[in-house]
């Protein structure tokens, strides 16, 4: 039998800041925009400025989100949450 009176309860928290949530949403939207404009450009044979801009936005937000995800990986405070 396990004594739970002295052990802290383990809870998982899904605490996201609004900036992090917005960045993750922008990541998904920019991916779909890049695929849509890039596919349309490939279909018609014309390069689209919107495809290039959305690709830059996608790569930038991908970098920011990956840094956000892995920046607290070794932080002992994050491990306790």
PDB file of N, CA and C in Angstrom:
ATOM      1  N   UNK A   1       0.846  -1.168   0.000  1.00  0.00           N
ATOM      2  CA  UNK A   1       0.000   0.000   0.000  1.00  0.00           C
ATOM      3  C   UNK A   1       0.900   1.241   0.000  1.00  0.00           C
ATOM      4  N   UNK A   2       0.484   2.231  -0.733  1.00  0.00           N
ATOM      5  CA  UNK A   2       1.270   3.457  -0.862  1.00  0.00           C
ATOM      6  C   UNK A   2       0.693   4.534   0.042  1.00  0.00           C
ATOM      7  N   UNK A   3       1.576   5.146   0.821  1.00  0.00           N
ATOM      8  CA  UNK A   3       1.165   6.242   1.689  1.00  0.00           C
ATOM      9  C   UNK A   3       1.142   7.522   0.871  1.00  0.00           C
ATOM     10  N   UNK A   4      -0.025   8.077   0.644  1.00  0.00           N
ATOM     11  CA  UNK A   4      -0.154   9.284  -0.172  1.00  0.00           C
ATOM     12  C   UNK A   4      -0.275  10.551   0.656  1.00  0.00           C
ATOM     13  N   UNK A   5      -0.178  10.446   1.955  1.00  0.00           N
ATOM     14  CA  UNK A   5      -0.348  11.629   2.790  1.00  0.00           C
ATOM     15  C   UNK A   5       0.864  12.549   2.724  1.00  0.00           C
ATOM     16  N   UNK A   6       2.061  12.008   2.498  1.00  0.00           N
ATOM     17  CA  UNK A   6       3.253  12.858   2.473  1.00  0.00           C
ATOM     18  C   UNK A   6       3.739  13.145   1.065  1.00  0.00           C
ATOM     19  N   UNK A   7       3.209  12.448   0.094  1.00  0.00           N
ATOM     20  CA  UNK A   7       3.652  12.638  -1.282  1.00  0.00           C
ATOM     21  C   UNK A   7       2.752  13.646  -1.986  1.00  0.00           C
ATOM     22  N   UNK A   8       3.376  14.540  -2.699  1.00  0.00           N
ATOM     23  CA  UNK A   8       2.602  15.543  -3.429  1.00  0.00           C
ATOM     24  C   UNK A   8       1.894  14.885  -4.605  1.00  0.00           C
ATOM     25  N   UNK A   9       0.732  15.354  -4.880  1.00  0.00           N
ATOM     26  CA  UNK A   9      -0.040  14.803  -5.998  1.00  0.00           C
ATOM     27  C   UNK A   9       0.581  15.236  -7.314  1.00  0.00           C
ATOM     28  N   UNK A  10       0.682  14.286  -8.224  1.00  0.00           N
ATOM     29  CA  UNK A  10       1.226  14.602  -9.540  1.00  0.00           C
ATOM     30  C   UNK A  10       0.093  15.063 -10.434  1.00  0.00           C
ATOM     31  N   UNK A  11       0.256  16.234 -10.955  1.00  0.00           N
ATOM     32  CA  UNK A  11      -0.741  16.765 -11.870  1.00  0.00           C
ATOM     33  C   UNK A  11      -0.037  17.203 -13.134  1.00  0.00           C
ATOM     34  N   UNK A  12      -0.701  17.025 -14.228  1.00  0.00           N
ATOM     35  CA  UNK A  12      -0.160  17.519 -15.492  1.00  0.00           C
ATOM     36  C   UNK A  12      -0.834  18.841 -15.787  1.00  0.00           C
ATOM     37  N   UNK A  13      -0.045  19.818 -16.130  1.00  0.00           N
ATOM     38  CA  UNK A  13      -0.619  21.127 -16.419  1.00  0.00           C
ATOM     39  C   UNK A  13      -0.390  21.455 -17.878  1.00  0.00           C
ATOM     40  N   UNK A  14      -1.381  22.001 -18.467  1.00  0.00           N
ATOM     41  CA  UNK A  14      -1.309  22.411 -19.865  1.00  0.00           C
ATOM     42  C   UNK A  14      -1.345  23.932 -19.909  1.00  0.00           C
ATOM     43  N   UNK A  15      -0.370  24.528 -19.266  1.00  0.00           N
ATOM     44  CA  UNK A  15      -0.344  25.976 -19.202  1.00  0.00           C
ATOM     45  C   UNK A  15       0.353  26.520 -20.448  1.00  0.00           C
ATOM     46  N   UNK A  16      -0.414  27.179 -21.258  1.00  0.00           N
ATOM     47  CA  UNK A  16       0.117  27.821 -22.447  1.00  0.00           C
ATOM     48  C   UNK A  16      -0.167  29.314 -22.340  1.00  0.00           C
ATOM     49  N   UNK A  17       0.800  30.090 -22.722  1.00  0.00           N
ATOM     50  CA  UNK A  17       0.540  31.516 -22.771  1.00  0.00           C
ATOM     51  C   UNK A  17      -0.206  31.821 -24.061  1.00  0.00           C
ATOM     52  N   UNK A  18      -0.830  32.952 -24.114  1.00  0.00           N
ATOM     53  CA  UNK A  18      -1.581  33.315 -25.318  1.00  0.00           C
ATOM     54  C   UNK A  18      -0.641  33.528 -26.505  1.00  0.00           C
ATOM     55  N   UNK A  19       0.571  33.979 -26.242  1.00  0.00           N
ATOM     56  CA  UNK A  19       1.535  34.178 -27.326  1.00  0.00           C
ATOM     57  C   UNK A  19       1.953  32.828 -27.902  1.00  0.00           C
ATOM     58  N   UNK A  20       2.181  31.853 -27.040  1.00  0.00           N
ATOM     59  CA  UNK A  20       2.579  30.527 -27.512  1.00  0.00           C
ATOM     60  C   UNK A  20       1.456  29.871 -28.303  1.00  0.00           C
ATOM     61  N   UNK A  21       0.226  30.017 -27.834  1.00  0.00           N
ATOM     62  CA  UNK A  21      -0.910  29.463 -28.548  1.00  0.00           C
ATOM     63  C   UNK A  21      -1.080  30.128 -29.906  1.00  0.00           C
ATOM     64  N   UNK A  22      -0.924  31.450 -29.957  1.00  0.00           N
ATOM     65  CA  UNK A  22      -1.042  32.162 -31.222  1.00  0.00           C
ATOM     66  C   UNK A  22       0.064  31.745 -32.189  1.00  0.00           C
ATOM     67  N   UNK A  23       1.267  31.529 -31.678  1.00  0.00           N
ATOM     68  CA  UNK A  23       2.367  31.096 -32.540  1.00  0.00           C
ATOM     69  C   UNK A  23       2.105  29.709 -33.104  1.00  0.00           C
ATOM     70  N   UNK A  24       1.548  28.809 -32.294  1.00  0.00           N
ATOM     71  CA  UNK A  24       1.245  27.470 -32.784  1.00  0.00           C
ATOM     72  C   UNK A  24       0.120  27.493 -33.818  1.00  0.00           C
ATOM     73  N   UNK A  25      -0.863  28.338 -33.611  1.00  0.00           N
ATOM     74  CA  UNK A  25      -1.925  28.483 -34.610  1.00  0.00           C
ATOM     75  C   UNK A  25      -1.395  29.090 -35.903  1.00  0.00           C
ATOM     76  N   UNK A  26      -0.535  30.096 -35.777  1.00  0.00           N
ATOM     77  CA  UNK A  26       0.069  30.707 -36.957  1.00  0.00           C
ATOM     78  C   UNK A  26       0.939  29.704 -37.706  1.00  0.00           C
ATOM     79  N   UNK A  27       1.586  28.805 -36.981  1.00  0.00           N
ATOM     80  CA  UNK A  27       2.399  27.765 -37.609  1.00  0.00           C
ATOM     81  C   UNK A  27       1.531  26.887 -38.513  1.00  0.00           C
ATOM     82  N   UNK A  28       0.413  26.456 -38.007  1.00  0.00           N
ATOM     83  CA  UNK A  28      -0.481  25.619 -38.813  1.00  0.00           C
ATOM     84  C   UNK A  28      -1.082  26.356 -39.991  1.00  0.00           C
ATOM     85  N   UNK A  29      -1.521  27.583 -39.749  1.00  0.00           N
ATOM     86  CA  UNK A  29      -2.114  28.361 -40.836  1.00  0.00           C
ATOM     87  C   UNK A  29      -1.099  28.701 -41.919  1.00  0.00           C
ATOM     88  N   UNK A  30       0.111  29.033 -41.523  1.00  0.00           N
ATOM     89  CA  UNK A  30       1.124  29.370 -42.525  1.00  0.00           C
ATOM     90  C   UNK A  30       1.552  28.122 -43.300  1.00  0.00           C
ATOM     91  N   UNK A  31       1.509  26.950 -42.671  1.00  0.00           N
ATOM     92  CA  UNK A  31       1.811  25.718 -43.406  1.00  0.00           C
ATOM     93  C   UNK A  31       0.774  25.482 -44.496  1.00  0.00           C
ATOM     94  N   UNK A  32      -0.508  25.605 -44.135  1.00  0.00           N
ATOM     95  CA  UNK A  32      -1.551  25.399 -45.129  1.00  0.00           C
ATOM     96  C   UNK A  32      -1.503  26.466 -46.220  1.00  0.00           C
ATOM     97  N   UNK A  33      -1.202  27.695 -45.858  1.00  0.00           N
ATOM     98  CA  UNK A  33      -1.093  28.750 -46.870  1.00  0.00           C
ATOM     99  C   UNK A  33       0.078  28.484 -47.802  1.00  0.00           C
ATOM    100  N   UNK A  34       1.198  28.036 -47.274  1.00  0.00           N
ATOM    101  CA  UNK A  34       2.354  27.725 -48.109  1.00  0.00           C
ATOM    102  C   UNK A  34       2.026  26.599 -49.075  1.00  0.00           C
ATOM    103  N   UNK A  35       1.375  25.561 -48.593  1.00  0.00           N
ATOM    104  CA  UNK A  35       1.028  24.432 -49.462  1.00  0.00           C
ATOM    105  C   UNK A  35       0.000  24.845 -50.511  1.00  0.00           C
ATOM    106  N   UNK A  36      -0.972  25.648 -50.117  1.00  0.00           N
ATOM    107  CA  UNK A  36      -2.014  26.061 -51.056  1.00  0.00           C
ATOM    108  C   UNK A  36      -1.452  26.972 -52.147  1.00  0.00           C
ATOM    109  N   UNK A  37      -0.725  28.013 -51.754  1.00  0.00           N
ATOM    110  CA  UNK A  37      -0.189  28.939 -52.748  1.00  0.00           C
ATOM    111  C   UNK A  37       0.918  28.297 -53.576  1.00  0.00           C
ATOM    112  N   UNK A  38       1.721  27.446 -52.938  1.00  0.00           N
ATOM    113  CA  UNK A  38       2.764  26.743 -53.678  1.00  0.00           C
ATOM    114  C   UNK A  38       2.180  25.752 -54.670  1.00  0.00           C
ATOM    115  N   UNK A  39       1.133  25.042 -54.256  1.00  0.00           N
ATOM    116  CA  UNK A  39       0.455  24.109 -55.161  1.00  0.00           C
ATOM    117  C   UNK A  39      -0.223  24.815 -56.304  1.00  0.00           C
ATOM    118  N   UNK A  40      -0.855  25.930 -56.023  1.00  0.00           N
ATOM    119  CA  UNK A  40      -1.490  26.712 -57.086  1.00  0.00           C
ATOM    120  C   UNK A  40      -0.444  27.236 -58.062  1.00  0.00           C
ATOM    121  N   UNK A  41       0.697  27.693 -57.530  1.00  0.00           N
ATOM    122  CA  UNK A  41       1.768  28.178 -58.396  1.00  0.00           C
ATOM    123  C   UNK A  41       2.354  27.070 -59.252  1.00  0.00           C
ATOM    124  N   UNK A  42       2.479  25.879 -58.694  1.00  0.00           N
ATOM    125  CA  UNK A  42       2.984  24.744 -59.468  1.00  0.00           C
ATOM    126  C   UNK A  42       1.982  24.308 -60.533  1.00  0.00           C
ATOM    127  N   UNK A  43       0.703  24.407 -60.213  1.00  0.00           N
ATOM    128  CA  UNK A  43      -0.340  24.015 -61.153  1.00  0.00           C
ATOM    129  C   UNK A  43      -0.410  24.979 -62.333  1.00  0.00           C
ATOM    130  N   UNK A  44      -0.301  26.269 -62.046  1.00  0.00           N
ATOM    131  CA  UNK A  44      -0.414  27.270 -63.111  1.00  0.00           C
ATOM    132  C   UNK A  44       0.919  27.601 -63.748  1.00  0.00           C
ATOM    133  N   UNK A  45       2.012  27.225 -63.123  1.00  0.00           N
ATOM    134  CA  UNK A  45       3.325  27.511 -63.687  1.00  0.00           C
ATOM    135  C   UNK A  45       3.846  28.896 -63.369  1.00  0.00           C
ATOM    136  N   UNK A  46       3.218  29.572 -62.421  1.00  0.00           N
ATOM    137  CA  UNK A  46       3.638  30.920 -62.040  1.00  0.00           C
ATOM    138  C   UNK A  46       4.044  30.931 -60.568  1.00  0.00           C
ATOM    139  N   UNK A  47       5.140  31.583 -60.291  1.00  0.00           N
ATOM    140  CA  UNK A  47       5.571  31.731 -58.906  1.00  0.00           C
ATOM    141  C   UNK A  47       4.704  32.778 -58.224  1.00  0.00           C
ATOM    142  N   UNK A  48       4.348  32.537 -56.986  1.00  0.00           N
ATOM    143  CA  UNK A  48       3.498  33.446 -56.240  1.00  0.00           C
ATOM    144  C   UNK A  48       4.303  34.104 -55.129  1.00  0.00           C
ATOM    145  N   UNK A  49       4.126  35.403 -54.997  1.00  0.00           N
ATOM    146  CA  UNK A  49       4.782  36.134 -53.919  1.00  0.00           C
ATOM    147  C   UNK A  49       4.213  35.672 -52.578  1.00  0.00           C
ATOM    148  N   UNK A  50       2.913  35.372 -52.567  1.00  0.00           N
ATOM    149  CA  UNK A  50       2.275  34.915 -51.332  1.00  0.00           C
ATOM    150  C   UNK A  50       2.852  33.575 -50.866  1.00  0.00           C
ATOM    151  N   UNK A  51       3.224  32.711 -51.808  1.00  0.00           N
ATOM    152  CA  UNK A  51       3.824  31.431 -51.421  1.00  0.00           C
ATOM    153  C   UNK A  51       5.170  31.666 -50.754  1.00  0.00           C
ATOM    154  N   UNK A  52       5.948  32.584 -51.280  1.00  0.00           N
ATOM    155  CA  UNK A  52       7.243  32.895 -50.683  1.00  0.00           C
ATOM    156  C   UNK A  52       7.116  33.531 -49.315  1.00  0.00           C
ATOM    157  N   UNK A  53       6.186  34.457 -49.191  1.00  0.00           N
ATOM    158  CA  UNK A  53       5.971  35.132 -47.901  1.00  0.00           C
ATOM    159  C   UNK A  53       5.445  34.144 -46.862  1.00  0.00           C
ATOM    160  N   UNK A  54       4.503  33.310 -47.254  1.00  0.00           N
ATOM    161  CA  UNK A  54       3.970  32.349 -46.287  1.00  0.00           C
ATOM    162  C   UNK A  54       5.014  31.299 -45.912  1.00  0.00           C
ATOM    163  N   UNK A  55       5.921  30.971 -46.826  1.00  0.00           N
ATOM    164  CA  UNK A  55       7.007  30.039 -46.484  1.00  0.00           C
ATOM    165  C   UNK A  55       7.957  30.660 -45.470  1.00  0.00           C
ATOM    166  N   UNK A  56       8.240  31.940 -45.626  1.00  0.00           N
ATOM    167  CA  UNK A  56       9.106  32.632 -44.659  1.00  0.00           C
ATOM    168  C   UNK A  56       8.425  32.702 -43.294  1.00  0.00           C
ATOM    169  N   UNK A  57       7.128  33.010 -43.287  1.00  0.00           N
ATOM    170  CA  UNK A  57       6.381  33.054 -42.027  1.00  0.00           C
ATOM    171  C   UNK A  57       6.360  31.666 -41.385  1.00  0.00           C
ATOM    172  N   UNK A  58       6.170  30.625 -42.195  1.00  0.00           N
ATOM    173  CA  UNK A  58       6.157  29.262 -41.670  1.00  0.00           C
ATOM    174  C   UNK A  58       7.490  28.899 -41.033  1.00  0.00           C
ATOM    175  N   UNK A  59       8.587  29.152 -41.715  1.00  0.00           N
ATOM    176  CA  UNK A  59       9.899  28.800 -41.175  1.00  0.00           C
ATOM    177  C   UNK A  59      10.234  29.600 -39.919  1.00  0.00           C
ATOM    178  N   UNK A  60       9.831  30.864 -39.885  1.00  0.00           N
ATOM    179  CA  UNK A  60      10.087  31.695 -38.712  1.00  0.00           C
ATOM    180  C   UNK A  60       9.290  31.200 -37.505  1.00  0.00           C
ATOM    181  N   UNK A  61       8.002  30.933 -37.711  1.00  0.00           N
ATOM    182  CA  UNK A  61       7.193  30.459 -36.585  1.00  0.00           C
ATOM    183  C   UNK A  61       7.587  29.041 -36.180  1.00  0.00           C
ATOM    184  N   UNK A  62       8.017  28.223 -37.131  1.00  0.00           N
ATOM    185  CA  UNK A  62       8.492  26.883 -36.775  1.00  0.00           C
ATOM    186  C   UNK A  62       9.705  26.971 -35.858  1.00  0.00           C
ATOM    187  N   UNK A  63      10.613  27.872 -36.179  1.00  0.00           N
ATOM    188  CA  UNK A  63      11.793  28.068 -35.332  1.00  0.00           C
ATOM    189  C   UNK A  63      11.388  28.546 -33.944  1.00  0.00           C
ATOM    190  N   UNK A  64      10.501  29.518 -33.871  1.00  0.00           N
ATOM    191  CA  UNK A  64      10.065  30.055 -32.574  1.00  0.00           C
ATOM    192  C   UNK A  64       9.347  29.000 -31.733  1.00  0.00           C
ATOM    193  N   UNK A  65       8.490  28.206 -32.361  1.00  0.00           N
ATOM    194  CA  UNK A  65       7.741  27.193 -31.625  1.00  0.00           C
ATOM    195  C   UNK A  65       8.667  26.085 -31.141  1.00  0.00           C
ATOM    196  N   UNK A  66       9.599  25.654 -31.968  1.00  0.00           N
ATOM    197  CA  UNK A  66      10.533  24.616 -31.544  1.00  0.00           C
ATOM    198  C   UNK A  66      11.416  25.086 -30.391  1.00  0.00           C
ATOM    199  N   UNK A  67      11.856  26.336 -30.453  1.00  0.00           N
ATOM    200  CA  UNK A  67      12.647  26.877 -29.342  1.00  0.00           C
ATOM    201  C   UNK A  67      11.792  26.950 -28.085  1.00  0.00           C
ATOM    202  N   UNK A  68      10.540  27.338 -28.228  1.00  0.00           N
ATOM    203  CA  UNK A  68       9.634  27.422 -27.082  1.00  0.00           C
ATOM    204  C   UNK A  68       9.385  26.042 -26.477  1.00  0.00           C
ATOM    205  N   UNK A  69       9.219  25.037 -27.320  1.00  0.00           N
ATOM    206  CA  UNK A  69       8.959  23.686 -26.831  1.00  0.00           C
ATOM    207  C   UNK A  69      10.151  23.118 -26.075  1.00  0.00           C
ATOM    208  N   UNK A  70      11.355  23.330 -26.604  1.00  0.00           N
ATOM    209  CA  UNK A  70      12.525  22.677 -26.047  1.00  0.00           C
ATOM    210  C   UNK A  70      13.363  23.565 -25.136  1.00  0.00           C
ATOM    211  N   UNK A  71      12.977  24.802 -24.930  1.00  0.00           N
ATOM    212  CA  UNK A  71      13.777  25.685 -24.078  1.00  0.00           C
ATOM    213  C   UNK A  71      13.692  25.285 -22.604  1.00  0.00           C
ATOM    214  N   UNK A  72      12.585  24.730 -22.164  1.00  0.00           N
ATOM    215  CA  UNK A  72      12.433  24.344 -20.766  1.00  0.00           C
ATOM    216  C   UNK A  72      12.659  22.862 -20.530  1.00  0.00           C
ATOM    217  N   UNK A  73      13.257  22.157 -21.478  1.00  0.00           N
ATOM    218  CA  UNK A  73      13.397  20.711 -21.357  1.00  0.00           C
ATOM    219  C   UNK A  73      14.291  20.332 -20.185  1.00  0.00           C
ATOM    220  N   UNK A  74      15.352  21.092 -19.919  1.00  0.00           N
ATOM    221  CA  UNK A  74      16.256  20.759 -18.828  1.00  0.00           C
ATOM    222  C   UNK A  74      16.004  21.557 -17.576  1.00  0.00           C
ATOM    223  N   UNK A  75      14.984  22.366 -17.567  1.00  0.00           N
ATOM    224  CA  UNK A  75      14.676  23.223 -16.429  1.00  0.00           C
ATOM    225  C   UNK A  75      14.027  22.386 -15.326  1.00  0.00           C
ATOM    226  N   UNK A  76      14.592  22.376 -14.123  1.00  0.00           N
ATOM    227  CA  UNK A  76      13.996  21.545 -13.057  1.00  0.00           C
ATOM    228  C   UNK A  76      12.614  22.011 -12.653  1.00  0.00           C
ATOM    229  N   UNK A  77      12.296  23.282 -12.834  1.00  0.00           N
ATOM    230  CA  UNK A  77      10.956  23.775 -12.487  1.00  0.00           C
ATOM    231  C   UNK A  77       9.925  23.169 -13.431  1.00  0.00           C
ATOM    232  N   UNK A  78      10.286  23.076 -14.724  1.00  0.00           N
ATOM    233  CA  UNK A  78       9.364  22.493 -15.707  1.00  0.00           C
ATOM    234  C   UNK A  78       9.162  20.999 -15.458  1.00  0.00           C
ATOM    235  N   UNK A  79      10.187  20.332 -14.939  1.00  0.00           N
ATOM    236  CA  UNK A  79      10.080  18.905 -14.693  1.00  0.00           C
ATOM    237  C   UNK A  79       9.118  18.591 -13.553  1.00  0.00           C
ATOM    238  N   UNK A  80       8.948  19.524 -12.629  1.00  0.00           N
ATOM    239  CA  UNK A  80       8.054  19.309 -11.496  1.00  0.00           C
ATOM    240  C   UNK A  80       6.593  19.487 -11.868  1.00  0.00           C
ATOM    241  N   UNK A  81       6.309  20.171 -12.955  1.00  0.00           N
ATOM    242  CA  UNK A  81       4.927  20.444 -13.342  1.00  0.00           C
ATOM    243  C   UNK A  81       4.273  19.251 -13.958  1.00  0.00           C
TER     244      UNK A  81
END
